Amino acid sequence: MDFYNNAGKMALGSRLRRLSEQITEDAGQVYQMYNVSLHPKWFPVFHALSQGQDKTITAIAEEIGHSHPSVSTIIREMVKQGIVTEKKDKQDGRKNVVCLSKKGKEVVSSIAPQYTDVTNAIEDALSQTRHDLWKAIEEWEFLLKQKSLLRRVQEQKKMRESRDVQIVDYNPAYQEAFKQLNEEWISKYFKMEAADHKALDNPQQNIIDPGGHILVALYNNEPVGVCALMKMDDPVYEYELVKMAVSPKAQGKNIGWLLGIAAIDKARSLGAKKLYLESNTILKPAINLYHKLGFQKVIGHTTPYERCNIQMELVIGI
């Protein structure tokens, strides 16, 4: 147990596997003690068929929560030992159905005492613990169904790495990064347009001097993301969120979200009531980010960009 205490919770899978192997080994000996010709890993399939209905492999897999290939392998092993048989479905000759053989049905008749003793043994063990393992497993299965362990680790990775991201104000040293990061994504999906060249070639003159702002995301002191607030001459919108770009090598670190939040906070500090943006629905991650930030689709504003097919706004003050 020292290994698991030293390794900590990151060894959860290994520890569960060890517990499972121990229980499976004991289960094999229990079957032998009751002269029941089953292998422990067959039990879910056997129990699903013990209700008396013929079932397809797909139906069994869905019922017990196993993969189709896993159930197919178990069925082949059980057929070889004479526990189940396969036959054509009477309703659909293209499908095979599985049912217990005569030998399998005899196991159903003889296994009841084993069921009783095993259930009582497990209940006795549970009564000696402070935590109900059965209920804990149910809780974990529910939680992991809502959000997998992989997804939870991905979120933790993103949170940890995002803490190393610093959002700073633009200065001329970041002009080349501002241009390159935007040209990279625009050229990948669309073509550079006149409005792009105007903003990117001279951001000081065309964004900052008219009253706008540019924010830069630094990761390990390297500029890996940018966005800008462009001052608008519009009765409804004071600022437009423009030129948001994140380097592909820095994606997955929550940088787009951090830039978006920083831009919204900057607009709010400037007294803006509404924030406007333009995009294209082919950029699904970007559109999802904007929705997550609270932007909603609007219609009817004129745009200088051919690629624009969606316009959005965010109400940030009243």
C-alpha atoms as a PDB file:
ATOM      1  CA  MET A   1       0.000   0.000   0.000  1.00  0.00           C
ATOM      2  CA  ASP A   2       3.008   2.310   0.387  1.00  0.00           C
ATOM      3  CA  PHE A   3       3.184   2.714  -3.401  1.00  0.00           C
ATOM      4  CA  TYR A   4      -0.413   3.980  -3.602  1.00  0.00           C
ATOM      5  CA  ASN A   5       0.060   6.267  -0.610  1.00  0.00           C
ATOM      6  CA  ASN A   6       3.165   7.720  -2.249  1.00  0.00           C
ATOM      7  CA  ALA A   7       1.706   7.942  -5.753  1.00  0.00           C
ATOM      8  CA  GLY A   8      -1.504   9.528  -4.517  1.00  0.00           C
ATOM      9  CA  LYS A   9      -4.756   9.904  -6.406  1.00  0.00           C
ATOM     10  CA  MET A  10      -3.059   9.845  -9.799  1.00  0.00           C
ATOM     11  CA  ALA A  11      -2.795   6.065  -9.266  1.00  0.00           C
ATOM     12  CA  LEU A  12      -6.583   5.705  -8.941  1.00  0.00           C
ATOM     13  CA  GLY A  13      -6.876   3.560 -12.073  1.00  0.00           C
ATOM     14  CA  SER A  14      -4.030   1.268 -10.997  1.00  0.00           C
ATOM     15  CA  ARG A  15      -5.494   0.887  -7.518  1.00  0.00           C
ATOM     16  CA  LEU A  16      -8.974   0.065  -8.863  1.00  0.00           C
ATOM     17  CA  ARG A  17      -7.401  -2.425 -11.280  1.00  0.00           C
ATOM     18  CA  ARG A  18      -5.580  -4.077  -8.376  1.00  0.00           C
ATOM     19  CA  LEU A  19      -8.804  -4.302  -6.366  1.00  0.00           C
ATOM     20  CA  SER A  20     -10.677  -5.628  -9.399  1.00  0.00           C
ATOM     21  CA  GLU A  21      -8.016  -8.282 -10.034  1.00  0.00           C
ATOM     22  CA  GLN A  22      -8.175  -9.389  -6.403  1.00  0.00           C
ATOM     23  CA  ILE A  23     -11.984  -9.663  -6.462  1.00  0.00           C
ATOM     24  CA  THR A  24     -11.927 -11.411  -9.860  1.00  0.00           C
ATOM     25  CA  GLU A  25      -9.402 -13.972  -8.591  1.00  0.00           C
ATOM     26  CA  ASP A  26     -11.589 -14.692  -5.571  1.00  0.00           C
ATOM     27  CA  ALA A  27     -14.686 -14.862  -7.782  1.00  0.00           C
ATOM     28  CA  GLY A  28     -13.046 -17.540  -9.933  1.00  0.00           C
ATOM     29  CA  GLN A  29     -12.424 -19.656  -6.854  1.00  0.00           C
ATOM     30  CA  VAL A  30     -15.999 -19.063  -5.664  1.00  0.00           C
ATOM     31  CA  TYR A  31     -17.351 -20.444  -8.951  1.00  0.00           C
ATOM     32  CA  GLN A  32     -15.147 -23.524  -8.510  1.00  0.00           C
ATOM     33  CA  MET A  33     -16.333 -23.963  -4.915  1.00  0.00           C
ATOM     34  CA  TYR A  34     -19.958 -24.100  -6.107  1.00  0.00           C
ATOM     35  CA  ASN A  35     -19.074 -26.234  -9.164  1.00  0.00           C
ATOM     36  CA  VAL A  36     -20.408 -23.533 -11.487  1.00  0.00           C
ATOM     37  CA  SER A  37     -18.742 -23.629 -14.914  1.00  0.00           C
ATOM     38  CA  LEU A  38     -18.549 -19.859 -15.449  1.00  0.00           C
ATOM     39  CA  HIS A  39     -15.667 -17.439 -15.771  1.00  0.00           C
ATOM     40  CA  PRO A  40     -16.082 -14.223 -13.729  1.00  0.00           C
ATOM     41  CA  LYS A  41     -15.858 -11.993 -16.803  1.00  0.00           C
ATOM     42  CA  TRP A  42     -18.788 -13.878 -18.363  1.00  0.00           C
ATOM     43  CA  PHE A  43     -21.157 -12.977 -15.539  1.00  0.00           C
ATOM     44  CA  PRO A  44     -22.701  -9.765 -17.016  1.00  0.00           C
ATOM     45  CA  VAL A  45     -23.530 -11.569 -20.297  1.00  0.00           C
ATOM     46  CA  PHE A  46     -24.766 -14.661 -18.447  1.00  0.00           C
ATOM     47  CA  HIS A  47     -26.991 -12.593 -16.163  1.00  0.00           C
ATOM     48  CA  ALA A  48     -28.429 -10.628 -19.107  1.00  0.00           C
ATOM     49  CA  LEU A  49     -29.378 -13.911 -20.813  1.00  0.00           C
ATOM     50  CA  SER A  50     -30.593 -15.615 -17.641  1.00  0.00           C
ATOM     51  CA  GLN A  51     -33.850 -13.652 -17.844  1.00  0.00           C
ATOM     52  CA  GLY A  52     -34.934 -16.059 -20.586  1.00  0.00           C
ATOM     53  CA  GLN A  53     -35.018 -13.798 -23.659  1.00  0.00           C
ATOM     54  CA  ASP A  54     -32.917 -14.281 -26.785  1.00  0.00           C
ATOM     55  CA  LYS A  55     -30.819 -11.176 -27.415  1.00  0.00           C
ATOM     56  CA  THR A  56     -28.518  -9.799 -30.074  1.00  0.00           C
ATOM     57  CA  ILE A  57     -24.934  -8.985 -29.192  1.00  0.00           C
ATOM     58  CA  THR A  58     -25.733  -5.296 -29.687  1.00  0.00           C
ATOM     59  CA  ALA A  59     -28.624  -5.480 -27.210  1.00  0.00           C
ATOM     60  CA  ILE A  60     -26.457  -7.271 -24.646  1.00  0.00           C
ATOM     61  CA  ALA A  61     -23.652  -4.730 -25.044  1.00  0.00           C
ATOM     62  CA  GLU A  62     -26.056  -1.834 -24.508  1.00  0.00           C
ATOM     63  CA  GLU A  63     -27.645  -3.506 -21.471  1.00  0.00           C
ATOM     64  CA  ILE A  64     -24.403  -4.274 -19.626  1.00  0.00           C
ATOM     65  CA  GLY A  65     -22.441  -1.215 -20.795  1.00  0.00           C
ATOM     66  CA  HIS A  66     -19.677  -3.144 -22.584  1.00  0.00           C
ATOM     67  CA  SER A  67     -18.323  -2.625 -26.076  1.00  0.00           C
ATOM     68  CA  HIS A  68     -19.653  -4.747 -28.936  1.00  0.00           C
ATOM     69  CA  PRO A  69     -16.219  -6.382 -29.602  1.00  0.00           C
ATOM     70  CA  SER A  70     -15.867  -7.246 -25.889  1.00  0.00           C
ATOM     71  CA  VAL A  71     -19.280  -8.953 -25.797  1.00  0.00           C
ATOM     72  CA  SER A  72     -18.534 -10.756 -29.085  1.00  0.00           C
ATOM     73  CA  THR A  73     -15.360 -12.211 -27.585  1.00  0.00           C
ATOM     74  CA  ILE A  74     -17.182 -13.352 -24.439  1.00  0.00           C
ATOM     75  CA  ILE A  75     -19.979 -14.917 -26.504  1.00  0.00           C
ATOM     76  CA  ARG A  76     -17.426 -16.897 -28.541  1.00  0.00           C
ATOM     77  CA  GLU A  77     -15.833 -18.187 -25.341  1.00  0.00           C
ATOM     78  CA  MET A  78     -19.210 -19.139 -23.869  1.00  0.00           C
ATOM     79  CA  VAL A  79     -20.268 -20.887 -27.080  1.00  0.00           C
ATOM     80  CA  LYS A  80     -17.034 -22.884 -26.999  1.00  0.00           C
ATOM     81  CA  GLN A  81     -17.836 -24.019 -23.442  1.00  0.00           C
ATOM     82  CA  GLY A  82     -21.426 -24.859 -24.350  1.00  0.00           C
ATOM     83  CA  ILE A  83     -23.015 -22.203 -22.107  1.00  0.00           C
ATOM     84  CA  VAL A  84     -24.769 -20.276 -24.901  1.00  0.00           C
ATOM     85  CA  THR A  85     -25.786 -20.839 -28.486  1.00  0.00           C
ATOM     86  CA  GLU A  86     -26.170 -18.514 -31.461  1.00  0.00           C
ATOM     87  CA  LYS A  87     -28.921 -18.746 -34.030  1.00  0.00           C
ATOM     88  CA  LYS A  88     -30.598 -16.653 -36.720  1.00  0.00           C
ATOM     89  CA  ASP A  89     -33.196 -14.143 -35.576  1.00  0.00           C
ATOM     90  CA  LYS A  90     -36.672 -15.311 -36.614  1.00  0.00           C
ATOM     91  CA  GLN A  91     -37.748 -11.701 -37.223  1.00  0.00           C
ATOM     92  CA  ASP A  92     -34.641 -10.700 -39.171  1.00  0.00           C
ATOM     93  CA  GLY A  93     -32.554 -13.445 -40.748  1.00  0.00           C
ATOM     94  CA  ARG A  94     -29.614 -11.054 -41.162  1.00  0.00           C
ATOM     95  CA  LYS A  95     -29.097 -10.956 -37.402  1.00  0.00           C
ATOM     96  CA  ASN A  96     -27.858 -13.554 -34.961  1.00  0.00           C
ATOM     97  CA  VAL A  97     -29.360 -13.861 -31.512  1.00  0.00           C
ATOM     98  CA  VAL A  98     -27.803 -15.446 -28.454  1.00  0.00           C
ATOM     99  CA  CYS A  99     -29.521 -17.599 -25.855  1.00  0.00           C
ATOM    100  CA  LEU A 100     -28.530 -19.916 -23.034  1.00  0.00           C
ATOM    101  CA  SER A 101     -27.964 -23.523 -23.973  1.00  0.00           C
ATOM    102  CA  LYS A 102     -29.345 -26.434 -21.983  1.00  0.00           C
ATOM    103  CA  LYS A 103     -26.106 -26.383 -19.980  1.00  0.00           C
ATOM    104  CA  GLY A 104     -26.475 -22.640 -19.413  1.00  0.00           C
ATOM    105  CA  LYS A 105     -30.034 -23.037 -18.159  1.00  0.00           C
ATOM    106  CA  GLU A 106     -28.849 -25.706 -15.736  1.00  0.00           C
ATOM    107  CA  VAL A 107     -26.368 -23.168 -14.354  1.00  0.00           C
ATOM    108  CA  VAL A 108     -29.236 -20.726 -13.800  1.00  0.00           C
ATOM    109  CA  SER A 109     -31.050 -23.369 -11.765  1.00  0.00           C
ATOM    110  CA  SER A 110     -28.028 -24.271  -9.655  1.00  0.00           C
ATOM    111  CA  ILE A 111     -26.429 -20.871  -9.056  1.00  0.00           C
ATOM    112  CA  ALA A 112     -29.049 -19.494  -6.623  1.00  0.00           C
ATOM    113  CA  PRO A 113     -27.221 -20.612  -3.439  1.00  0.00           C
ATOM    114  CA  GLN A 114     -24.039 -18.960  -4.716  1.00  0.00           C
ATOM    115  CA  TYR A 115     -25.930 -15.708  -5.366  1.00  0.00           C
ATOM    116  CA  THR A 116     -27.272 -15.754  -1.810  1.00  0.00           C
ATOM    117  CA  ASP A 117     -23.928 -16.452  -0.151  1.00  0.00           C
ATOM    118  CA  VAL A 118     -21.981 -13.930  -2.259  1.00  0.00           C
ATOM    119  CA  THR A 119     -24.571 -11.196  -1.663  1.00  0.00           C
ATOM    120  CA  ASN A 120     -24.505 -11.828   2.088  1.00  0.00           C
ATOM    121  CA  ALA A 121     -20.684 -11.865   2.116  1.00  0.00           C
ATOM    122  CA  ILE A 122     -20.504  -8.511   0.328  1.00  0.00           C
ATOM    123  CA  GLU A 123     -23.149  -6.975   2.599  1.00  0.00           C
ATOM    124  CA  ASP A 124     -21.180  -8.225   5.604  1.00  0.00           C
ATOM    125  CA  ALA A 125     -18.003  -6.625   4.265  1.00  0.00           C
ATOM    126  CA  LEU A 126     -19.813  -3.344   3.546  1.00  0.00           C
ATOM    127  CA  SER A 127     -21.158  -3.297   7.105  1.00  0.00           C
ATOM    128  CA  GLN A 128     -17.577  -3.269   8.382  1.00  0.00           C
ATOM    129  CA  THR A 129     -16.581  -0.155   6.425  1.00  0.00           C
ATOM    130  CA  ARG A 130     -17.160   3.532   7.125  1.00  0.00           C
ATOM    131  CA  HIS A 131     -17.825   4.242   3.438  1.00  0.00           C
ATOM    132  CA  ASP A 132     -20.286   2.300   1.304  1.00  0.00           C
ATOM    133  CA  LEU A 133     -18.227   1.199  -1.712  1.00  0.00           C
ATOM    134  CA  TRP A 134     -21.310   0.228  -3.702  1.00  0.00           C
ATOM    135  CA  LYS A 135     -22.829   3.705  -3.370  1.00  0.00           C
ATOM    136  CA  ALA A 136     -19.457   5.321  -4.013  1.00  0.00           C
ATOM    137  CA  ILE A 137     -19.105   3.400  -7.291  1.00  0.00           C
ATOM    138  CA  GLU A 138     -22.591   4.528  -8.322  1.00  0.00           C
ATOM    139  CA  GLU A 139     -21.615   8.141  -7.591  1.00  0.00           C
ATOM    140  CA  TRP A 140     -18.400   7.871  -9.599  1.00  0.00           C
ATOM    141  CA  GLU A 141     -20.153   6.224 -12.525  1.00  0.00           C
ATOM    142  CA  PHE A 142     -22.698   9.056 -12.545  1.00  0.00           C
ATOM    143  CA  LEU A 143     -20.023  11.769 -12.295  1.00  0.00           C
ATOM    144  CA  LEU A 144     -17.862  10.260 -15.044  1.00  0.00           C
ATOM    145  CA  LYS A 145     -20.887   9.870 -17.287  1.00  0.00           C
ATOM    146  CA  GLN A 146     -21.559  13.594 -16.886  1.00  0.00           C
ATOM    147  CA  LYS A 147     -17.921  14.483 -17.494  1.00  0.00           C
ATOM    148  CA  SER A 148     -15.189  11.949 -18.251  1.00  0.00           C
ATOM    149  CA  LEU A 149     -11.930  11.788 -16.346  1.00  0.00           C
ATOM    150  CA  LEU A 150     -10.157  12.782 -19.568  1.00  0.00           C
ATOM    151  CA  ARG A 151     -12.268  15.926 -19.816  1.00  0.00           C
ATOM    152  CA  ARG A 152     -11.644  16.757 -16.165  1.00  0.00           C
ATOM    153  CA  VAL A 153      -7.874  16.411 -16.627  1.00  0.00           C
ATOM    154  CA  GLN A 154      -8.038  18.572 -19.765  1.00  0.00           C
ATOM    155  CA  GLU A 155      -9.822  21.283 -17.786  1.00  0.00           C
ATOM    156  CA  GLN A 156      -7.262  21.131 -14.984  1.00  0.00           C
ATOM    157  CA  LYS A 157      -4.424  21.344 -17.518  1.00  0.00           C
ATOM    158  CA  LYS A 158      -6.045  24.375 -19.105  1.00  0.00           C
ATOM    159  CA  MET A 159      -6.558  26.045 -15.722  1.00  0.00           C
ATOM    160  CA  ARG A 160      -2.954  25.410 -14.651  1.00  0.00           C
ATOM    161  CA  GLU A 161      -1.459  26.659 -17.910  1.00  0.00           C
ATOM    162  CA  SER A 162      -3.777  29.677 -18.029  1.00  0.00           C
ATOM    163  CA  ARG A 163      -2.300  30.844 -14.725  1.00  0.00           C
ATOM    164  CA  ASP A 164       0.970  31.359 -16.606  1.00  0.00           C
ATOM    165  CA  VAL A 165      -0.733  33.589 -19.180  1.00  0.00           C
ATOM    166  CA  GLN A 166      -0.337  37.327 -18.704  1.00  0.00           C
ATOM    167  CA  ILE A 167      -2.563  39.846 -20.495  1.00  0.00           C
ATOM    168  CA  VAL A 168      -0.742  43.118 -21.167  1.00  0.00           C
ATOM    169  CA  ASP A 169      -1.401  46.333 -23.070  1.00  0.00           C
ATOM    170  CA  TYR A 170       0.021  46.721 -26.545  1.00  0.00           C
ATOM    171  CA  ASN A 171       3.263  48.497 -27.226  1.00  0.00           C
ATOM    172  CA  PRO A 172       5.179  48.834 -30.525  1.00  0.00           C
ATOM    173  CA  ALA A 173       7.321  45.799 -29.639  1.00  0.00           C
ATOM    174  CA  TYR A 174       4.253  43.621 -30.258  1.00  0.00           C
ATOM    175  CA  GLN A 175       3.334  45.065 -33.660  1.00  0.00           C
ATOM    176  CA  GLU A 176       4.880  42.196 -35.644  1.00  0.00           C
ATOM    177  CA  ALA A 177       3.228  39.563 -33.436  1.00  0.00           C
ATOM    178  CA  PHE A 178      -0.134  41.333 -33.778  1.00  0.00           C
ATOM    179  CA  LYS A 179       0.204  41.228 -37.538  1.00  0.00           C
ATOM    180  CA  GLN A 180       1.567  37.694 -37.879  1.00  0.00           C
ATOM    181  CA  LEU A 181      -0.946  36.052 -35.536  1.00  0.00           C
ATOM    182  CA  ASN A 182      -3.856  37.575 -37.425  1.00  0.00           C
ATOM    183  CA  GLU A 183      -2.465  36.961 -40.915  1.00  0.00           C
ATOM    184  CA  GLU A 184      -1.922  33.312 -39.952  1.00  0.00           C
ATOM    185  CA  TRP A 185      -5.557  32.513 -39.155  1.00  0.00           C
ATOM    186  CA  ILE A 186      -7.099  34.806 -41.786  1.00  0.00           C
ATOM    187  CA  SER A 187      -4.994  33.288 -44.585  1.00  0.00           C
ATOM    188  CA  LYS A 188      -5.806  29.779 -43.386  1.00  0.00           C
ATOM    189  CA  TYR A 189      -9.569  30.192 -43.811  1.00  0.00           C
ATOM    190  CA  PHE A 190     -10.107  33.265 -45.981  1.00  0.00           C
ATOM    191  CA  LYS A 191      -8.172  35.933 -47.842  1.00  0.00           C
ATOM    192  CA  MET A 192      -6.657  39.115 -46.512  1.00  0.00           C
ATOM    193  CA  GLU A 193      -8.867  42.107 -47.263  1.00  0.00           C
ATOM    194  CA  ALA A 194      -8.230  45.851 -47.420  1.00  0.00           C
ATOM    195  CA  ALA A 195      -9.591  46.410 -43.908  1.00  0.00           C
ATOM    196  CA  ASP A 196      -7.197  43.744 -42.601  1.00  0.00           C
ATOM    197  CA  HIS A 197      -4.152  45.366 -44.134  1.00  0.00           C
ATOM    198  CA  LYS A 198      -5.198  48.776 -42.847  1.00  0.00           C
ATOM    199  CA  ALA A 199      -5.547  47.608 -39.243  1.00  0.00           C
ATOM    200  CA  LEU A 200      -2.569  45.251 -39.162  1.00  0.00           C
ATOM    201  CA  ASP A 201      -0.004  47.327 -41.029  1.00  0.00           C
ATOM    202  CA  ASN A 202      -0.377  50.313 -38.737  1.00  0.00           C
ATOM    203  CA  PRO A 203      -2.302  49.409 -35.566  1.00  0.00           C
ATOM    204  CA  GLN A 204      -1.090  52.494 -33.720  1.00  0.00           C
ATOM    205  CA  GLN A 205      -2.583  54.858 -36.289  1.00  0.00           C
ATOM    206  CA  ASN A 206      -5.695  52.890 -37.191  1.00  0.00           C
ATOM    207  CA  ILE A 207      -6.718  51.324 -33.860  1.00  0.00           C
ATOM    208  CA  ILE A 208      -5.058  52.994 -30.896  1.00  0.00           C
ATOM    209  CA  ASP A 209      -4.873  56.664 -31.937  1.00  0.00           C
ATOM    210  CA  PRO A 210      -8.643  56.839 -32.745  1.00  0.00           C
ATOM    211  CA  GLY A 211      -9.387  55.661 -29.177  1.00  0.00           C
ATOM    212  CA  GLY A 212      -9.044  51.896 -29.410  1.00  0.00           C
ATOM    213  CA  HIS A 213      -6.954  49.420 -27.440  1.00  0.00           C
ATOM    214  CA  ILE A 214      -4.955  46.280 -28.179  1.00  0.00           C
ATOM    215  CA  LEU A 215      -4.377  43.498 -25.664  1.00  0.00           C
ATOM    216  CA  VAL A 216      -1.599  40.925 -25.893  1.00  0.00           C
ATOM    217  CA  ALA A 217      -1.476  37.507 -24.216  1.00  0.00           C
ATOM    218  CA  LEU A 218       1.990  36.434 -23.096  1.00  0.00           C
ATOM    219  CA  TYR A 219       2.868  32.825 -22.302  1.00  0.00           C
ATOM    220  CA  ASN A 220       6.376  32.392 -20.930  1.00  0.00           C
ATOM    221  CA  ASN A 221       6.874  36.025 -21.956  1.00  0.00           C
ATOM    222  CA  GLU A 222       6.127  35.213 -25.602  1.00  0.00           C
ATOM    223  CA  PRO A 223       3.190  36.915 -27.383  1.00  0.00           C
ATOM    224  CA  VAL A 224       0.846  34.058 -28.326  1.00  0.00           C
ATOM    225  CA  GLY A 225      -2.525  35.812 -28.521  1.00  0.00           C
ATOM    226  CA  VAL A 226      -3.948  39.226 -29.366  1.00  0.00           C
ATOM    227  CA  CYS A 227      -7.236  41.076 -29.652  1.00  0.00           C
ATOM    228  CA  ALA A 228      -8.310  44.678 -30.056  1.00  0.00           C
ATOM    229  CA  LEU A 229     -11.105  47.064 -29.210  1.00  0.00           C
ATOM    230  CA  MET A 230     -11.745  49.400 -32.129  1.00  0.00           C
ATOM    231  CA  LYS A 231     -13.569  52.670 -31.437  1.00  0.00           C
ATOM    232  CA  MET A 232     -16.758  52.867 -33.491  1.00  0.00           C
ATOM    233  CA  ASP A 233     -18.567  55.870 -34.842  1.00  0.00           C
ATOM    234  CA  ASP A 234     -21.958  54.349 -34.140  1.00  0.00           C
ATOM    235  CA  PRO A 235     -24.972  55.445 -32.055  1.00  0.00           C
ATOM    236  CA  VAL A 236     -25.393  51.942 -30.559  1.00  0.00           C
ATOM    237  CA  TYR A 237     -21.917  50.454 -30.205  1.00  0.00           C
ATOM    238  CA  GLU A 238     -18.939  52.252 -28.705  1.00  0.00           C
ATOM    239  CA  TYR A 239     -16.390  49.525 -29.446  1.00  0.00           C
ATOM    240  CA  GLU A 240     -15.946  46.554 -31.749  1.00  0.00           C
ATOM    241  CA  LEU A 241     -14.005  43.477 -30.659  1.00  0.00           C
ATOM    242  CA  VAL A 242     -11.629  42.782 -33.539  1.00  0.00           C
ATOM    243  CA  LYS A 243      -8.509  40.914 -34.549  1.00  0.00           C
ATOM    244  CA  MET A 244      -8.636  38.172 -31.931  1.00  0.00           C
ATOM    245  CA  ALA A 245      -6.021  35.552 -32.741  1.00  0.00           C
ATOM    246  CA  VAL A 246      -4.263  32.803 -30.795  1.00  0.00           C
ATOM    247  CA  SER A 247      -1.194  30.938 -31.976  1.00  0.00           C
ATOM    248  CA  PRO A 248      -1.941  27.274 -32.804  1.00  0.00           C
ATOM    249  CA  LYS A 249       0.964  26.222 -30.580  1.00  0.00           C
ATOM    250  CA  ALA A 250      -0.702  27.933 -27.604  1.00  0.00           C
ATOM    251  CA  GLN A 251      -4.255  26.711 -28.109  1.00  0.00           C
ATOM    252  CA  GLY A 252      -5.822  24.746 -25.273  1.00  0.00           C
ATOM    253  CA  LYS A 253      -4.531  27.119 -22.618  1.00  0.00           C
ATOM    254  CA  ASN A 254      -7.718  29.200 -22.254  1.00  0.00           C
ATOM    255  CA  ILE A 255      -6.028  32.153 -23.954  1.00  0.00           C
ATOM    256  CA  GLY A 256      -9.023  33.114 -26.101  1.00  0.00           C
ATOM    257  CA  TRP A 257     -11.228  33.190 -23.013  1.00  0.00           C
ATOM    258  CA  LEU A 258      -8.716  35.251 -21.042  1.00  0.00           C
ATOM    259  CA  LEU A 259      -8.351  37.749 -23.898  1.00  0.00           C
ATOM    260  CA  GLY A 260     -12.125  37.989 -24.275  1.00  0.00           C
ATOM    261  CA  ILE A 261     -12.676  38.631 -20.570  1.00  0.00           C
ATOM    262  CA  ALA A 262      -9.876  41.222 -20.520  1.00  0.00           C
ATOM    263  CA  ALA A 263     -11.354  42.999 -23.552  1.00  0.00           C
ATOM    264  CA  ILE A 264     -14.830  43.069 -21.984  1.00  0.00           C
ATOM    265  CA  ASP A 265     -13.384  44.428 -18.730  1.00  0.00           C
ATOM    266  CA  LYS A 266     -11.474  47.088 -20.678  1.00  0.00           C
ATOM    267  CA  ALA A 267     -14.612  48.132 -22.582  1.00  0.00           C
ATOM    268  CA  ARG A 268     -16.576  48.284 -19.338  1.00  0.00           C
ATOM    269  CA  SER A 269     -13.899  50.456 -17.719  1.00  0.00           C
ATOM    270  CA  LEU A 270     -14.193  52.824 -20.691  1.00  0.00           C
ATOM    271  CA  GLY A 271     -17.913  53.199 -20.063  1.00  0.00           C
ATOM    272  CA  ALA A 272     -19.110  51.075 -22.982  1.00  0.00           C
ATOM    273  CA  LYS A 273     -22.658  49.719 -22.716  1.00  0.00           C
ATOM    274  CA  LYS A 274     -22.495  47.364 -25.711  1.00  0.00           C
ATOM    275  CA  LEU A 275     -19.705  45.533 -27.479  1.00  0.00           C
ATOM    276  CA  TYR A 276     -19.944  44.486 -31.141  1.00  0.00           C
ATOM    277  CA  LEU A 277     -18.102  41.890 -33.230  1.00  0.00           C
ATOM    278  CA  GLU A 278     -18.153  40.277 -36.666  1.00  0.00           C
ATOM    279  CA  SER A 279     -17.122  36.743 -37.555  1.00  0.00           C
ATOM    280  CA  ASN A 280     -17.857  33.759 -39.761  1.00  0.00           C
ATOM    281  CA  THR A 281     -19.718  30.626 -38.700  1.00  0.00           C
ATOM    282  CA  ILE A 282     -17.030  28.408 -40.212  1.00  0.00           C
ATOM    283  CA  LEU A 283     -14.933  29.389 -37.182  1.00  0.00           C
ATOM    284  CA  LYS A 284     -16.845  27.164 -34.781  1.00  0.00           C
ATOM    285  CA  PRO A 285     -14.424  27.370 -31.808  1.00  0.00           C
ATOM    286  CA  ALA A 286     -14.490  31.179 -32.052  1.00  0.00           C
ATOM    287  CA  ILE A 287     -18.290  31.316 -32.271  1.00  0.00           C
ATOM    288  CA  ASN A 288     -18.553  28.976 -29.267  1.00  0.00           C
ATOM    289  CA  LEU A 289     -16.170  31.234 -27.348  1.00  0.00           C
ATOM    290  CA  TYR A 290     -18.234  34.324 -28.147  1.00  0.00           C
ATOM    291  CA  HIS A 291     -21.415  32.603 -26.976  1.00  0.00           C
ATOM    292  CA  LYS A 292     -19.626  31.537 -23.798  1.00  0.00           C
ATOM    293  CA  LEU A 293     -18.596  35.162 -23.244  1.00  0.00           C
ATOM    294  CA  GLY A 294     -22.246  36.186 -23.558  1.00  0.00           C
ATOM    295  CA  PHE A 295     -22.444  37.522 -27.119  1.00  0.00           C
ATOM    296  CA  GLN A 296     -25.735  37.138 -28.998  1.00  0.00           C
ATOM    297  CA  LYS A 297     -26.411  37.267 -32.716  1.00  0.00           C
ATOM    298  CA  VAL A 298     -27.703  40.528 -34.224  1.00  0.00           C
ATOM    299  CA  ILE A 299     -28.641  41.468 -37.786  1.00  0.00           C
ATOM    300  CA  GLY A 300     -28.411  44.509 -39.996  1.00  0.00           C
ATOM    301  CA  HIS A 301     -25.065  46.239 -39.472  1.00  0.00           C
ATOM    302  CA  THR A 302     -22.962  47.120 -42.517  1.00  0.00           C
ATOM    303  CA  THR A 303     -19.562  45.425 -42.702  1.00  0.00           C
ATOM    304  CA  PRO A 304     -16.340  46.042 -44.624  1.00  0.00           C
ATOM    305  CA  TYR A 305     -15.509  42.321 -44.722  1.00  0.00           C
ATOM    306  CA  GLU A 306     -16.576  39.844 -47.403  1.00  0.00           C
ATOM    307  CA  ARG A 307     -16.032  36.949 -45.013  1.00  0.00           C
ATOM    308  CA  CYS A 308     -18.454  38.232 -42.372  1.00  0.00           C
ATOM    309  CA  ASN A 309     -21.666  36.186 -42.161  1.00  0.00           C
ATOM    310  CA  ILE A 310     -22.502  36.681 -38.496  1.00  0.00           C
ATOM    311  CA  GLN A 311     -22.652  39.757 -36.289  1.00  0.00           C
ATOM    312  CA  MET A 312     -22.910  39.624 -32.515  1.00  0.00           C
ATOM    313  CA  GLU A 313     -23.301  41.943 -29.570  1.00  0.00           C
ATOM    314  CA  LEU A 314     -22.698  41.842 -25.842  1.00  0.00           C
ATOM    315  CA  VAL A 315     -24.630  44.062 -23.453  1.00  0.00           C
ATOM    316  CA  ILE A 316     -22.127  44.952 -20.726  1.00  0.00           C
ATOM    317  CA  GLY A 317     -23.895  47.832 -19.018  1.00  0.00           C
ATOM    318  CA  ILE A 318     -27.164  49.743 -18.823  1.00  0.00           C
END
